């Protein structure tokens, strides 16, 4: 069953139709700002990929993709979980030079997602990927890209507030950078998510780095597939959400694995069997470009900038009866 939280005294700042109008303007403006900030060009992307290609994102390794057979090709396809791997193949196929990249609308179904105010089985993201040089595989370059994304978000928010004066929340433009190990050292008695809330409350725009590896406590802060981000050069962009009073992830991103880091992370995660898949063979042999990339949640950004309490207020999905009834009683208009 979905877990519904109704903030005390919550009411939407915008009507249902104003919300629809604002979502359209938000998406147009943010796409333009993001493309300008990172030198990206728009491309088309797949909704599904061949199940045997190795291109689908395995997420934490336990989520089941939606699979279906194709009568004409006698093969099996999977609805994508994300486009993390496909984008890298596309950059090589399109011949993008270093310093340029692509972005696209990514629509996915994650049928095992635990639904709550932030999560639904439908995922919509701006997926982006950019070619980099070997010298740019470093923390300082990663941080520079994060700051550019935050600036694009700030410019989008300023425009929305001018067009919709009922929106009153502010965002912090200054990014605080911290690693998962530094966060654990600060709050050793808290769970990973509790640490995020405690830190982001004090640092409203935070980039939490180095997600996927095992911490000194013997646990992982969060799971990451071993074959797209380099766990030493990745992170989540977290902002403080005043409506829900919690840390709010809007993006997961990172510098992608090179042959050396992929080899190491496949061993560490017990996923050596993936080495025979086409994507992994190409990467291990150095056939794919070095890249940085990520996904930025469209519904997450809409929730944050339009001051919404539930993701169902900015996207259409399926919810259990208790959530539908709870939202109705609370005056939360699910689309």
Protein backbone atom coordinates (compact mmCIF):
# COMPACT_ATOMS: atom_id res chain seq x y z
CA UNK A 1 0.00 0.00 0.00
CA UNK A 2 1.20 3.52 -0.78
CA UNK A 3 2.39 5.60 2.14
CA UNK A 4 0.60 8.95 2.20
CA UNK A 5 1.78 11.95 4.21
CA UNK A 6 -0.51 14.97 4.38
CA UNK A 7 1.35 18.09 5.59
CA UNK A 8 -0.58 19.98 8.25
CA UNK A 9 -2.56 22.85 6.75
CA UNK A 10 -1.58 21.98 3.18
CA UNK A 11 -3.43 23.47 0.25
CA UNK A 12 -2.17 23.80 -3.29
CA UNK A 13 -0.92 27.24 -4.31
CA UNK A 14 -2.25 26.64 -7.83
CA UNK A 15 -5.53 25.32 -9.18
CA UNK A 16 -5.58 22.12 -11.22
CA UNK A 17 -5.56 23.96 -14.55
CA UNK A 18 -2.95 26.49 -13.36
CA UNK A 19 -0.85 23.49 -12.38
CA UNK A 20 -1.12 22.01 -15.86
CA UNK A 21 -0.19 25.33 -17.44
CA UNK A 22 2.74 25.82 -15.06
CA UNK A 23 4.06 22.29 -15.72
CA UNK A 24 4.18 23.06 -19.44
CA UNK A 25 6.04 26.33 -18.91
CA UNK A 26 8.41 24.73 -16.38
CA UNK A 27 9.36 21.94 -18.77
CA UNK A 28 9.96 24.28 -21.69
CA UNK A 29 12.08 26.70 -19.69
CA UNK A 30 14.12 24.11 -17.82
CA UNK A 31 14.93 22.17 -21.00
CA UNK A 32 16.21 25.37 -22.60
CA UNK A 33 18.20 26.37 -19.53
CA UNK A 34 19.70 22.89 -19.08
CA UNK A 35 20.65 22.57 -22.75
CA UNK A 36 22.30 26.00 -22.66
CA UNK A 37 24.15 25.30 -19.39
CA UNK A 38 25.62 21.95 -20.48
CA UNK A 39 25.85 22.32 -24.29
CA UNK A 40 23.24 19.62 -24.97
CA UNK A 41 21.12 18.82 -28.03
CA UNK A 42 17.77 17.07 -27.95
CA UNK A 43 17.39 13.54 -29.35
CA UNK A 44 14.72 10.84 -29.44
CA UNK A 45 15.00 7.92 -27.04
CA UNK A 46 13.58 4.39 -26.72
CA UNK A 47 10.73 3.36 -24.46
CA UNK A 48 11.98 -0.25 -24.55
CA UNK A 49 15.17 -2.13 -25.40
CA UNK A 50 16.14 -5.71 -26.28
CA UNK A 51 16.21 -7.74 -23.07
CA UNK A 52 19.52 -9.36 -24.05
CA UNK A 53 21.36 -6.16 -24.95
CA UNK A 54 22.46 -5.23 -21.43
CA UNK A 55 21.26 -1.67 -22.09
CA UNK A 56 18.53 -1.57 -19.44
CA UNK A 57 19.39 -0.05 -16.07
CA UNK A 58 19.40 -2.74 -13.37
CA UNK A 59 18.90 -0.12 -10.61
CA UNK A 60 19.53 -1.95 -7.33
CA UNK A 61 19.53 -5.36 -9.01
CA UNK A 62 16.22 -6.58 -7.59
CA UNK A 63 13.63 -4.57 -9.54
CA UNK A 64 11.72 -6.52 -12.19
CA UNK A 65 11.47 -4.86 -15.61
CA UNK A 66 8.23 -4.99 -17.55
CA UNK A 67 8.92 -7.56 -20.32
CA UNK A 68 6.98 -8.50 -23.43
CA UNK A 69 7.56 -10.65 -26.49
CA UNK A 70 7.59 -9.22 -30.02
CA UNK A 71 5.76 -11.40 -32.52
CA UNK A 72 7.63 -10.24 -35.63
CA UNK A 73 11.18 -10.50 -34.28
CA UNK A 74 10.67 -13.47 -31.91
CA UNK A 75 12.62 -11.57 -29.25
CA UNK A 76 11.85 -10.17 -25.81
CA UNK A 77 11.86 -6.45 -25.00
CA UNK A 78 11.97 -4.60 -21.69
CA UNK A 79 10.45 -1.23 -20.79
CA UNK A 80 13.44 0.85 -19.71
CA UNK A 81 14.15 1.60 -16.06
CA UNK A 82 16.38 4.46 -17.23
CA UNK A 83 18.56 5.37 -20.20
CA UNK A 84 21.88 5.50 -18.35
CA UNK A 85 23.57 3.02 -20.70
CA UNK A 86 21.67 3.75 -23.91
CA UNK A 87 22.77 7.40 -23.86
CA UNK A 88 26.42 6.42 -23.93
CA UNK A 89 25.89 4.22 -26.95
CA UNK A 90 23.97 7.07 -28.61
CA UNK A 91 26.78 9.57 -28.04
CA UNK A 92 29.20 7.23 -29.78
CA UNK A 93 26.78 6.58 -32.65
CA UNK A 94 26.09 10.31 -33.18
CA UNK A 95 29.77 11.22 -32.98
CA UNK A 96 29.41 13.97 -30.38
CA UNK A 97 32.74 15.67 -29.55
CA UNK A 98 34.01 16.30 -26.01
CA UNK A 99 32.18 19.21 -24.39
CA UNK A 100 28.86 18.46 -26.09
CA UNK A 101 26.05 16.05 -25.39
CA UNK A 102 22.41 15.09 -25.63
CA UNK A 103 19.24 15.24 -23.58
CA UNK A 104 15.92 13.51 -24.01
CA UNK A 105 12.58 12.77 -22.37
CA UNK A 106 12.82 9.44 -20.56
CA UNK A 107 9.60 7.65 -19.65
CA UNK A 108 9.81 4.43 -17.67
CA UNK A 109 7.74 1.98 -15.68
CA UNK A 110 9.14 0.68 -12.39
CA UNK A 111 6.51 -1.76 -11.28
CA UNK A 112 8.24 -2.68 -7.99
CA UNK A 113 8.54 0.93 -6.80
CA UNK A 114 7.28 1.51 -3.25
CA UNK A 115 4.78 4.30 -3.76
CA UNK A 116 4.50 7.34 -1.50
CA UNK A 117 4.34 11.14 -1.84
CA UNK A 118 7.53 11.10 -3.98
CA UNK A 119 7.39 7.77 -5.82
CA UNK A 120 5.09 6.25 -8.40
CA UNK A 121 5.44 3.37 -10.84
CA UNK A 122 5.68 5.93 -13.66
CA UNK A 123 9.01 7.72 -14.00
CA UNK A 124 9.61 10.78 -16.17
CA UNK A 125 13.05 12.36 -16.40
CA UNK A 126 15.21 14.64 -18.44
CA UNK A 127 17.99 12.20 -19.20
CA UNK A 128 21.23 13.82 -20.35
CA UNK A 129 24.74 12.70 -21.23
CA UNK A 130 27.85 14.62 -22.31
CA UNK A 131 31.20 13.51 -23.73
CA UNK A 132 34.21 14.36 -21.56
CA UNK A 133 37.99 14.13 -21.77
CA UNK A 134 40.17 11.94 -19.54
CA UNK A 135 41.26 15.06 -17.60
CA UNK A 136 37.61 15.77 -16.74
CA UNK A 137 37.16 12.49 -14.86
CA UNK A 138 37.62 14.29 -11.52
CA UNK A 139 35.63 15.67 -8.59
CA UNK A 140 36.16 19.34 -9.51
CA UNK A 141 34.62 18.85 -12.96
CA UNK A 142 31.68 16.94 -11.45
CA UNK A 143 31.07 19.80 -9.01
CA UNK A 144 31.19 22.38 -11.81
CA UNK A 145 28.50 20.49 -13.73
CA UNK A 146 26.34 20.29 -10.59
CA UNK A 147 26.58 24.06 -10.12
CA UNK A 148 25.50 24.61 -13.73
CA UNK A 149 22.44 22.40 -13.24
CA UNK A 150 21.51 24.26 -10.06
CA UNK A 151 21.83 27.56 -11.90
CA UNK A 152 19.48 26.29 -14.63
CA UNK A 153 17.00 25.28 -11.92
CA UNK A 154 17.23 28.69 -10.24
CA UNK A 155 16.59 30.55 -13.50
CA UNK A 156 13.58 28.34 -14.20
CA UNK A 157 12.19 28.97 -10.71
CA UNK A 158 12.59 32.73 -11.00
CA UNK A 159 10.62 32.73 -14.26
CA UNK A 160 7.83 30.61 -12.76
CA UNK A 161 7.49 32.87 -9.74
CA UNK A 162 7.11 35.88 -12.05
CA UNK A 163 4.37 34.11 -13.99
CA UNK A 164 2.62 32.58 -10.97
CA UNK A 165 2.77 35.00 -8.01
CA UNK A 166 1.03 32.48 -5.72
CA UNK A 167 4.33 30.57 -5.62
CA UNK A 168 6.26 31.95 -2.67
CA UNK A 169 8.98 29.44 -1.75
CA UNK A 170 12.64 30.22 -2.36
CA UNK A 171 15.58 27.99 -3.27
CA UNK A 172 19.18 28.24 -2.12
CA UNK A 173 21.62 28.74 -5.03
CA UNK A 174 24.72 27.77 -3.01
CA UNK A 175 25.61 24.07 -3.25
CA UNK A 176 27.09 22.20 -0.29
CA UNK A 177 29.19 19.17 -1.30
CA UNK A 178 29.60 16.23 1.08
CA UNK A 179 30.46 12.54 0.67
CA UNK A 180 28.41 9.67 2.05
CA UNK A 181 31.29 8.76 4.38
CA UNK A 182 31.51 12.33 5.72
CA UNK A 183 27.75 12.25 6.24
CA UNK A 184 27.96 8.96 8.16
CA UNK A 185 30.78 10.40 10.31
CA UNK A 186 28.60 13.43 11.12
CA UNK A 187 25.50 11.39 12.03
CA UNK A 188 26.63 7.84 12.92
CA UNK A 189 23.47 7.08 14.90
CA UNK A 190 21.05 7.92 12.09
CA UNK A 191 19.85 5.92 9.10
CA UNK A 192 21.04 7.06 5.65
CA UNK A 193 17.78 8.88 4.88
CA UNK A 194 17.70 10.46 8.35
CA UNK A 195 21.23 11.74 7.75
CA UNK A 196 20.12 13.34 4.50
CA UNK A 197 17.23 15.11 6.25
CA UNK A 198 19.45 16.35 9.08
CA UNK A 199 22.14 17.71 6.76
CA UNK A 200 19.92 19.19 4.03
CA UNK A 201 17.80 20.97 6.63
CA UNK A 202 20.94 23.01 7.39
CA UNK A 203 22.28 23.05 3.80
CA UNK A 204 19.17 23.44 1.59
CA UNK A 205 20.97 22.65 -1.68
CA UNK A 206 23.32 19.68 -1.27
CA UNK A 207 25.16 17.34 -3.60
CA UNK A 208 25.76 14.05 -1.81
CA UNK A 209 28.76 12.31 -3.39
CA UNK A 210 30.19 8.80 -3.66
CA UNK A 211 27.09 6.61 -3.58
CA UNK A 212 27.29 2.86 -4.16
CA UNK A 213 30.37 1.68 -2.29
CA UNK A 214 30.50 0.21 1.21
CA UNK A 215 31.06 2.70 4.04
CA UNK A 216 33.31 2.10 7.05
CA UNK A 217 30.25 0.97 9.00
CA UNK A 218 29.91 -1.95 6.60
CA UNK A 219 26.72 -0.68 4.93
CA UNK A 220 26.02 1.23 1.74
CA UNK A 221 24.37 4.63 1.90
CA UNK A 222 22.24 3.57 -1.06
CA UNK A 223 22.40 1.07 -3.88
CA UNK A 224 23.81 1.86 -7.31
CA UNK A 225 24.19 -0.39 -10.33
CA UNK A 226 27.87 -1.17 -10.95
CA UNK A 227 27.88 -0.45 -14.66
CA UNK A 228 27.00 3.20 -15.23
CA UNK A 229 28.25 5.63 -12.53
CA UNK A 230 31.77 5.51 -11.13
CA UNK A 231 30.96 5.21 -7.41
CA UNK A 232 33.85 7.56 -6.56
CA UNK A 233 32.57 10.25 -8.96
CA UNK A 234 28.79 10.32 -8.64
CA UNK A 235 26.08 11.72 -6.39
CA UNK A 236 22.52 12.86 -5.74
CA UNK A 237 21.30 16.46 -5.90
CA UNK A 238 19.15 17.06 -2.82
CA UNK A 239 17.10 20.16 -1.99
CA UNK A 240 15.12 20.98 1.11
CA UNK A 241 11.40 20.62 0.46
CA UNK A 242 9.51 22.99 2.79
CA UNK A 243 6.11 21.47 1.95
CA UNK A 244 7.15 17.97 3.11
CA UNK A 245 9.88 19.14 5.55
CA UNK A 246 12.44 16.70 4.21
CA UNK A 247 15.42 16.30 1.91
CA UNK A 248 14.19 15.92 -1.65
CA UNK A 249 16.21 14.23 -4.39
CA UNK A 250 15.71 15.70 -7.85
CA UNK A 251 18.66 14.16 -9.67
CA UNK A 252 21.05 11.22 -9.62
CA UNK A 253 24.13 11.71 -11.79
CA UNK A 254 27.82 11.09 -12.16
CA UNK A 255 30.89 10.56 -14.25
CA UNK A 256 30.41 7.21 -15.91
CA UNK A 257 32.56 4.14 -15.46
CA UNK A 258 35.67 3.70 -17.56
CA UNK A 259 37.04 0.19 -18.25
CA UNK A 260 39.02 0.17 -14.99
CA UNK A 261 36.20 1.28 -12.68
CA UNK A 262 33.68 -0.97 -14.44
CA UNK A 263 35.97 -3.96 -13.94
CA UNK A 264 36.35 -3.13 -10.24
CA UNK A 265 32.67 -2.48 -9.59
CA UNK A 266 31.51 -5.62 -11.37
CA UNK A 267 33.80 -7.65 -9.11
CA UNK A 268 32.73 -5.82 -5.94
CA UNK A 269 29.04 -6.27 -6.68
CA UNK A 270 29.27 -9.91 -7.80
CA UNK A 271 28.06 -9.07 -11.30
CA UNK A 272 30.88 -10.56 -13.37
CA UNK A 273 28.33 -12.34 -15.52
CA UNK A 274 27.46 -9.05 -17.21
CA UNK A 275 30.88 -8.88 -18.87
CA UNK A 276 29.58 -10.91 -21.82
CA UNK A 277 26.72 -8.48 -22.64
CA UNK A 278 27.22 -6.25 -25.72
CA UNK A 279 27.27 -2.96 -23.77
CA UNK A 280 29.78 -4.23 -21.22
CA UNK A 281 32.05 -5.79 -23.85
CA UNK A 282 32.15 -2.51 -25.75
CA UNK A 283 32.90 -0.51 -22.61
CA UNK A 284 35.59 -2.85 -21.29
CA UNK A 285 37.34 -2.77 -24.67
CA UNK A 286 37.36 1.05 -24.73
CA UNK A 287 34.97 1.40 -27.66
CA UNK A 288 32.60 3.88 -25.95
CA UNK A 289 33.33 7.56 -25.21
CA UNK A 290 34.05 8.82 -21.70
CA UNK A 291 30.93 10.58 -20.44
CA UNK A 292 29.14 12.28 -17.59
CA UNK A 293 25.38 12.12 -17.29
CA UNK A 294 22.31 11.77 -15.16
CA UNK A 295 18.58 11.94 -14.85
CA UNK A 296 16.59 14.89 -13.53
CA UNK A 297 13.08 14.01 -12.40
CA UNK A 298 10.46 16.00 -14.28
CA UNK A 299 7.71 15.28 -11.78
CA UNK A 300 10.13 15.82 -8.87
CA UNK A 301 11.14 19.26 -10.17
CA UNK A 302 7.48 20.09 -10.81
CA UNK A 303 6.58 19.08 -7.26
CA UNK A 304 9.33 21.22 -5.78
CA UNK A 305 8.89 24.36 -7.87
CA UNK A 306 5.07 24.27 -7.86
CA UNK A 307 4.95 23.58 -4.09
CA UNK A 308 3.03 20.31 -4.27
CA UNK A 309 2.69 17.70 -1.54
CA UNK A 310 2.19 14.61 -3.74
CA UNK A 311 3.68 13.48 -7.03
CA UNK A 312 0.19 12.54 -8.20
CA UNK A 313 -0.58 16.28 -8.36
CA UNK A 314 1.86 16.68 -11.28
CA UNK A 315 1.65 13.33 -13.12
CA UNK A 316 -0.97 10.72 -13.96
CA UNK A 317 -0.40 7.28 -12.43
CA UNK A 318 -2.21 4.46 -10.61
CA UNK A 319 -2.71 4.53 -6.84
CA UNK A 320 -4.24 2.22 -4.27
CA UNK A 321 -7.73 2.99 -2.93
CA UNK A 322 -6.44 4.22 0.44
CA UNK A 323 -4.20 6.82 -1.20
CA UNK A 324 -6.98 8.01 -3.51
CA UNK A 325 -9.39 8.36 -0.59
CA UNK A 326 -6.78 9.97 1.67
CA UNK A 327 -5.93 12.55 -0.98
CA UNK A 328 -9.60 13.27 -1.61
CA UNK A 329 -10.21 13.96 2.08
CA UNK A 330 -7.11 16.16 2.29
CA UNK A 331 -8.02 18.18 -0.81
CA UNK A 332 -5.01 16.87 -2.76
CA UNK A 333 -6.05 16.74 -6.41
CA UNK A 334 -4.56 13.67 -8.06
CA UNK A 335 -4.36 14.01 -11.84
